[in-house]
Protein backbone atom coordinates (compact mmCIF):
# COMPACT_ATOMS: atom_id res chain seq x y z
CA MET A 1 121.73 91.08 136.80
CA ILE A 2 119.57 94.13 135.49
CA PHE A 3 118.85 92.87 131.80
CA LEU A 4 117.56 89.28 133.81
CA ILE A 5 115.31 91.83 136.12
CA ASN A 6 113.98 93.23 132.98
CA LEU A 7 113.30 90.56 131.02
CA LEU A 8 111.18 88.38 134.14
CA SER A 9 109.42 91.44 135.31
CA SER A 10 108.20 92.28 131.29
CA PHE A 11 107.25 88.00 131.27
CA LEU A 12 105.30 88.17 134.80
CA ILE A 13 103.54 91.21 134.30
CA SER A 14 102.86 90.12 130.91
CA LEU A 15 101.66 87.40 132.53
CA LEU A 16 99.21 89.34 134.43
CA ALA A 17 97.82 91.81 132.06
CA VAL A 18 96.97 89.24 129.23
CA PRO A 19 93.73 87.98 130.97
CA VAL A 20 92.82 91.26 131.71
CA VAL A 21 93.06 91.88 128.03
CA ARG A 22 91.39 89.34 127.15
CA SER A 23 88.87 90.58 129.19
CA ILE A 24 88.46 93.41 127.97
CA GLY A 25 88.14 92.04 124.66
CA ILE A 26 85.63 89.60 125.42
CA LYS A 27 83.08 91.73 126.99
CA ASN A 28 83.45 94.68 123.77
CA ASN A 29 83.10 92.00 121.23
CA TYR A 30 87.12 92.29 119.43
CA PHE A 31 87.27 88.59 118.29
CA ASP A 32 89.65 88.14 115.28
CA ARG A 33 87.51 89.17 112.24
CA ARG A 34 88.84 86.07 110.44
CA GLU A 35 86.79 83.81 112.32
CA GLU A 36 83.86 85.34 112.85
CA LYS A 37 81.46 82.61 111.93
CA LYS A 38 82.81 80.00 114.70
CA ASP A 39 81.21 79.18 118.19
CA LEU A 40 81.72 82.40 120.45
CA LYS A 41 83.41 79.69 122.48
CA GLU A 42 86.51 79.06 120.09
CA LEU A 43 86.81 82.84 119.45
CA LYS A 44 89.98 84.90 119.97
CA VAL A 45 90.44 87.92 121.18
CA ARG A 46 92.26 90.30 118.49
CA ILE A 47 93.75 93.13 121.30
CA GLY A 48 96.71 91.09 122.19
CA GLY A 49 98.77 93.75 121.48
CA LEU A 50 97.55 96.11 123.94
CA ALA A 51 99.14 93.78 126.99
CA ILE A 52 102.19 92.97 125.11
CA LEU A 53 102.43 96.96 124.97
CA ILE A 54 101.93 97.30 128.34
CA SER A 55 104.04 94.90 129.94
CA PHE A 56 106.54 96.26 128.23
CA LEU A 57 106.33 100.62 128.92
CA LEU A 58 106.04 98.98 132.69
CA SER A 59 108.88 96.82 132.87
CA LEU A 60 110.71 100.14 131.34
CA VAL A 61 109.43 101.79 134.65
CA PHE A 62 110.26 99.34 136.79
CA ILE A 63 113.93 99.10 136.01
CA TYR A 64 113.87 102.90 135.82
CA PHE A 65 113.32 103.11 139.70
CA LEU A 66 114.92 100.25 140.28
CA PHE A 67 118.43 100.97 138.58
CA GLY A 68 117.67 104.63 136.67
CA SER A 69 121.27 105.77 138.64
CA ARG A 70 123.39 103.28 136.84
CA ILE A 71 121.52 103.28 133.87
CA GLU A 72 122.74 106.20 132.20
CA LEU A 73 120.90 105.71 129.01
CA ILE A 74 117.61 105.07 130.41
CA ASN A 75 117.35 109.22 130.07
CA THR A 76 119.04 109.54 126.27
CA LEU A 77 116.63 111.01 123.25
CA LYS A 78 117.63 107.93 121.73
CA LEU A 79 116.00 105.53 123.99
CA LYS A 80 112.84 108.67 124.20
CA VAL A 81 112.13 108.60 120.51
CA ILE A 82 112.28 105.07 120.34
CA ILE A 83 109.51 104.22 122.63
CA ILE A 84 107.18 107.28 121.28
CA SER A 85 107.25 105.47 117.95
CA SER A 86 107.14 102.09 119.05
CA VAL A 87 104.02 103.48 121.16
CA LEU A 88 101.97 105.16 118.60
CA ILE A 89 103.25 101.94 115.48
CA SER A 90 100.99 100.39 118.42
CA ILE A 91 98.18 102.42 118.56
CA VAL A 92 97.79 102.77 115.14
CA GLY A 93 97.52 98.24 114.99
CA ILE A 94 95.44 98.41 118.13
CA VAL A 95 92.92 101.21 116.05
CA ASP A 96 92.76 98.76 112.84
CA ASP A 97 91.93 95.87 115.34
CA ILE A 98 89.61 97.87 116.75
CA LYS A 99 87.81 99.73 113.99
CA SER A 100 89.85 98.43 110.83
CA LEU A 101 91.53 101.14 109.14
CA SER A 102 92.40 100.94 105.61
CA PRO A 103 95.42 99.93 104.17
CA LEU A 104 96.16 103.06 102.87
CA ILE A 105 95.89 105.03 106.00
CA ARG A 106 97.98 102.07 108.04
CA LEU A 107 100.98 102.95 105.29
CA ILE A 108 100.97 106.81 106.18
CA PHE A 109 101.16 106.47 109.40
CA GLU A 110 104.11 103.75 109.32
CA LEU A 111 105.95 105.84 106.94
CA PHE A 112 105.55 109.15 109.30
CA ILE A 113 106.64 106.97 112.14
CA SER A 114 109.53 105.39 109.74
CA SER A 115 110.75 109.20 108.71
CA TYR A 116 110.35 110.81 112.66
CA ILE A 117 113.01 107.56 113.22
CA TRP A 118 115.04 108.64 109.97
CA LYS A 119 114.95 112.17 111.42
CA GLU A 120 116.43 111.68 114.68
CA GLY A 121 119.18 109.71 113.66
CA ILE A 122 118.52 105.86 113.74
CA ARG A 123 118.57 105.12 109.75
CA ILE A 124 120.76 103.17 107.79
CA ASP A 125 123.98 105.46 107.15
CA PHE A 126 124.65 105.50 103.56
CA GLY A 127 128.11 103.28 103.98
CA ILE A 128 125.41 100.86 102.64
CA ALA A 129 127.05 102.35 99.49
CA SER A 130 130.60 100.69 99.86
CA LEU A 131 129.18 97.62 98.51
CA PHE A 132 128.74 99.99 95.21
CA ASP A 133 130.49 101.80 93.07
CA ILE A 134 128.71 104.99 93.17
CA SER A 135 131.32 107.76 94.60
CA PHE A 136 130.06 110.01 92.59
CA LEU A 137 127.29 111.29 94.10
CA ASP A 138 126.75 113.80 96.27
CA GLN A 139 125.88 113.81 100.02
CA ASN A 140 122.47 114.99 99.22
CA THR A 141 122.18 111.23 97.48
CA PHE A 142 123.47 109.82 99.78
CA LEU A 143 121.18 110.65 102.58
CA LEU A 144 118.54 109.77 99.82
CA ILE A 145 119.60 106.70 99.40
CA SER A 146 119.54 106.29 103.29
CA PHE A 147 116.34 107.61 104.31
CA LEU A 148 114.51 105.69 100.88
CA LEU A 149 116.50 102.74 102.27
CA THR A 150 115.09 102.97 106.64
CA ILE A 151 111.72 103.53 105.48
CA LEU A 152 112.06 100.24 103.70
CA TRP A 153 113.08 98.66 105.77
CA ILE A 154 111.38 99.70 108.34
CA VAL A 155 108.40 99.65 106.76
CA GLY A 156 108.58 96.45 105.35
CA LEU A 157 109.82 94.56 108.13
CA ILE A 158 107.11 96.10 110.64
CA ASN A 159 104.46 94.29 107.60
CA ALA A 160 106.14 91.48 107.48
CA ILE A 161 106.02 90.66 110.93
CA ASN A 162 102.18 91.34 110.53
CA TRP A 163 101.94 88.77 107.87
CA ILE A 164 103.73 85.79 109.31
CA ASP A 165 101.41 85.95 112.54
CA GLY A 166 98.65 83.64 111.13
CA LEU A 167 98.87 80.49 113.03
CA ASP A 168 99.05 80.26 117.05
CA GLY A 169 102.27 81.33 118.60
CA LEU A 170 104.25 81.38 115.34
CA ALA A 171 105.00 85.20 115.21
CA CYS A 172 104.79 85.74 118.98
CA GLY A 173 107.69 83.22 119.06
CA ALA A 174 109.60 83.87 116.24
CA SER A 175 109.86 87.41 117.84
CA ILE A 176 111.22 85.94 120.68
CA ILE A 177 113.62 84.03 118.94
CA TYR A 178 114.50 87.42 116.55
CA LEU A 179 114.94 89.60 119.92
CA PHE A 180 117.30 86.37 121.69
CA PHE A 181 120.17 86.70 118.76
CA ILE A 182 119.50 91.04 118.89
CA PHE A 183 120.38 90.47 122.82
CA ILE A 184 123.56 88.50 122.55
CA PHE A 185 124.96 90.79 119.38
CA GLY A 186 124.07 93.95 121.76
CA SER A 187 125.77 92.02 124.81
CA LEU A 188 128.44 90.84 122.35
CA SER A 189 129.00 94.79 121.29
CA ASN A 190 128.97 96.38 124.62
CA ASN A 191 124.91 98.21 123.60
CA ILE A 192 123.32 98.28 126.86
CA LEU A 193 120.28 99.94 125.00
CA VAL A 194 119.75 97.26 122.51
CA CYS A 195 119.98 94.37 125.88
CA LEU A 196 117.55 96.81 127.71
CA LEU A 197 114.98 96.86 124.68
CA SER A 198 115.20 93.50 123.51
CA THR A 199 114.57 91.73 127.21
CA SER A 200 111.47 93.96 128.21
CA LEU A 201 110.57 92.96 124.70
CA ILE A 202 111.13 89.31 124.92
CA GLY A 203 109.55 88.62 128.73
CA SER A 204 106.10 90.16 126.80
CA ASN A 205 106.32 88.39 124.24
CA LEU A 206 107.13 84.90 126.66
CA GLY A 207 104.00 85.90 129.12
CA PHE A 208 102.13 86.81 125.70
CA LEU A 209 102.77 83.22 124.74
CA LYS A 210 101.11 80.86 127.26
CA TYR A 211 98.09 82.00 125.98
CA ASN A 212 98.93 82.73 122.31
CA LEU A 213 100.01 78.88 121.43
CA ARG A 214 97.35 76.46 120.27
CA PRO A 215 94.59 76.76 120.85
CA ALA A 216 95.04 80.49 121.30
CA LYS A 217 93.01 82.31 124.06
CA ILE A 218 94.25 85.30 122.26
CA ILE A 219 96.36 86.72 119.22
CA MET A 220 98.01 89.78 119.25
CA GLY A 221 96.45 91.31 116.55
CA ASP A 222 97.95 94.48 114.23
CA GLY A 223 98.70 96.04 117.07
CA GLY A 224 101.06 93.40 118.35
CA SER A 225 102.81 92.70 115.20
CA TYR A 226 103.24 96.19 114.15
CA PHE A 227 104.81 96.39 117.45
CA ASN A 228 107.11 93.81 117.42
CA GLY A 229 107.78 94.54 113.89
CA PHE A 230 109.08 97.71 114.14
CA LEU A 231 110.97 97.38 117.48
CA LEU A 232 112.94 94.50 115.84
CA SER A 233 113.57 96.60 112.72
CA ILE A 234 115.02 99.21 114.61
CA LEU A 235 117.00 97.01 117.55
CA GLY A 236 117.85 95.11 114.22
CA LEU A 237 119.78 98.09 113.14
CA LEU A 238 120.84 99.30 116.14
CA SER A 239 122.11 96.22 116.88
CA VAL A 240 124.28 94.97 114.01
CA GLY A 241 126.14 99.13 113.88
CA ASN A 242 127.54 101.21 111.17
CA PHE A 243 126.52 99.62 107.42
CA SER A 244 129.90 100.70 106.32
CA TYR A 245 130.17 97.14 106.34
CA GLY A 246 128.46 94.79 103.81
CA LEU A 247 128.28 91.65 105.84
CA ASN A 248 125.96 94.05 108.55
CA PHE A 249 123.84 94.09 105.89
CA LEU A 250 124.07 90.08 105.60
CA ILE A 251 123.44 89.63 109.08
CA LEU A 252 120.57 91.35 109.51
CA LEU A 253 118.99 89.55 106.11
CA LEU A 254 119.87 85.97 107.51
CA LEU A 255 118.72 87.25 111.08
CA PHE A 256 114.69 87.79 109.79
CA PHE A 257 115.46 85.49 107.32
CA ILE A 258 111.69 83.83 107.41
CA PRO A 259 109.58 87.33 107.68
CA ILE A 260 111.81 88.72 104.59
CA VAL A 261 111.26 85.74 102.09
CA ASP A 262 108.25 85.29 102.70
CA MET A 263 107.37 88.97 102.29
CA ILE A 264 109.39 89.30 99.05
CA ASN A 265 107.35 86.18 97.42
CA VAL A 266 103.85 87.09 98.60
CA ILE A 267 104.37 90.59 96.72
CA ILE A 268 105.87 88.43 93.53
CA LEU A 269 103.58 86.50 92.88
CA ARG A 270 101.01 88.97 93.96
CA LEU A 271 102.05 91.44 90.83
CA ILE A 272 102.48 88.56 88.21
CA ASN A 273 98.74 87.51 89.17
CA ASN A 274 97.91 91.04 88.97
CA LYS A 275 96.55 91.05 92.06
CA SER A 276 97.47 94.36 94.74
CA PRO A 277 99.96 93.60 97.25
CA PHE A 278 97.51 94.03 100.01
CA VAL A 279 94.75 91.70 99.17
CA ALA A 280 94.87 88.64 100.41
CA ASP A 281 95.69 84.78 99.72
CA ARG A 282 97.81 81.50 100.47
CA ASN A 283 100.66 82.45 99.38
CA HIS A 284 102.65 82.99 102.62
CA ILE A 285 104.70 80.29 103.51
CA HIS A 286 103.29 78.76 106.89
CA GLN A 287 99.45 78.23 104.63
CA ARG A 288 100.95 76.79 101.86
CA LEU A 289 103.07 74.15 104.08
CA ILE A 290 99.33 73.74 105.73
CA ASP A 291 97.90 73.04 102.34
CA LYS A 292 101.12 70.77 101.49
CA GLY A 293 99.03 68.73 104.49
CA ILE A 294 101.63 69.45 106.98
CA ASN A 295 99.57 70.30 110.90
CA GLN A 296 99.83 73.37 112.17
CA ASP A 297 102.07 71.81 115.27
CA LYS A 298 104.54 70.73 113.28
CA THR A 299 104.40 74.52 110.80
CA VAL A 300 104.63 76.85 113.49
CA ASN A 301 108.49 74.37 114.90
CA ILE A 302 109.37 74.06 111.18
CA LEU A 303 109.68 78.09 111.24
CA TYR A 304 111.08 78.44 114.95
CA LEU A 305 113.71 76.33 113.65
CA VAL A 306 115.11 77.55 110.18
CA SER A 307 114.69 80.49 112.03
CA ILE A 308 116.73 79.57 114.50
CA PHE A 309 119.26 78.18 111.98
CA THR A 310 119.31 80.80 110.04
CA CYS A 311 120.01 83.33 113.16
CA SER A 312 122.67 81.49 114.80
CA ILE A 313 124.73 81.63 110.74
CA SER A 314 124.35 85.58 111.09
CA LEU A 315 125.71 85.49 114.88
CA ILE A 316 128.79 83.24 113.73
CA ILE A 317 128.90 85.75 110.38
CA PHE A 318 128.51 89.06 113.63
CA TYR A 319 131.13 86.97 115.69
CA PHE A 320 134.03 86.32 113.30
CA LYS A 321 133.33 89.65 111.06
């Protein structure tokens, strides 16, 4: 019941917050840079991530005052670390939406925040080494492997979610799908923290999706995609548990199959063509489907269905492992 109330409260707050944020965006001319040549009435406000952040935080505050005495984890250090880090990464994205930061500056902040998360104990543990015979390495080397893998995972998924945010409703809807399955993982393993945070973010994205479906009135921008990508990476790690089991690694890859495969494919193609990985092109999976003549609505639905399929496989593996 607590999680249902949490989801509904974040959903309702988001429904109210999005129009307010959109009005602020219109007043300050914060429109999607990719569509600057369009008529003003068709432009999309690009700071929608602010509404997702506000509804996420306010729903947690609401739950705290309503059920704080019954949910001991609300006062835990781990929750505080996650909230502080997610707010920081969202601010980086929102500032980029407004001021347009360089890719290097954004990457530095992503690395710094990911390092902080690792330092506070939210990490891919070096049990991943059980997949390979590297028992000859000392503990410091194991810690270095843990650090590098954790950074790669968090920064990678932040940008992977950001990169699939190219069609109305795609990144937002896909995030809801991933969060739904993460909530199931958390429920099966009795992980209250995962269940609490995932329901808050599901509700925030559901409220936002109402305004983000085609034709979108607002987009989440980097503020929203960074926020979603960061929390998805963290909740994914927390939901599957110890990486001493190779299957847990497979579960995460299947859970985020579309954004991970898209990111790897795009980076490889850019490098093959002697281009910077940060230079935009039309190699993203949703763009390639559009270029093949599939309309936007069908493209989004296809990617939703593929995501549900791969997430379902990850759930089956999680349940029977």
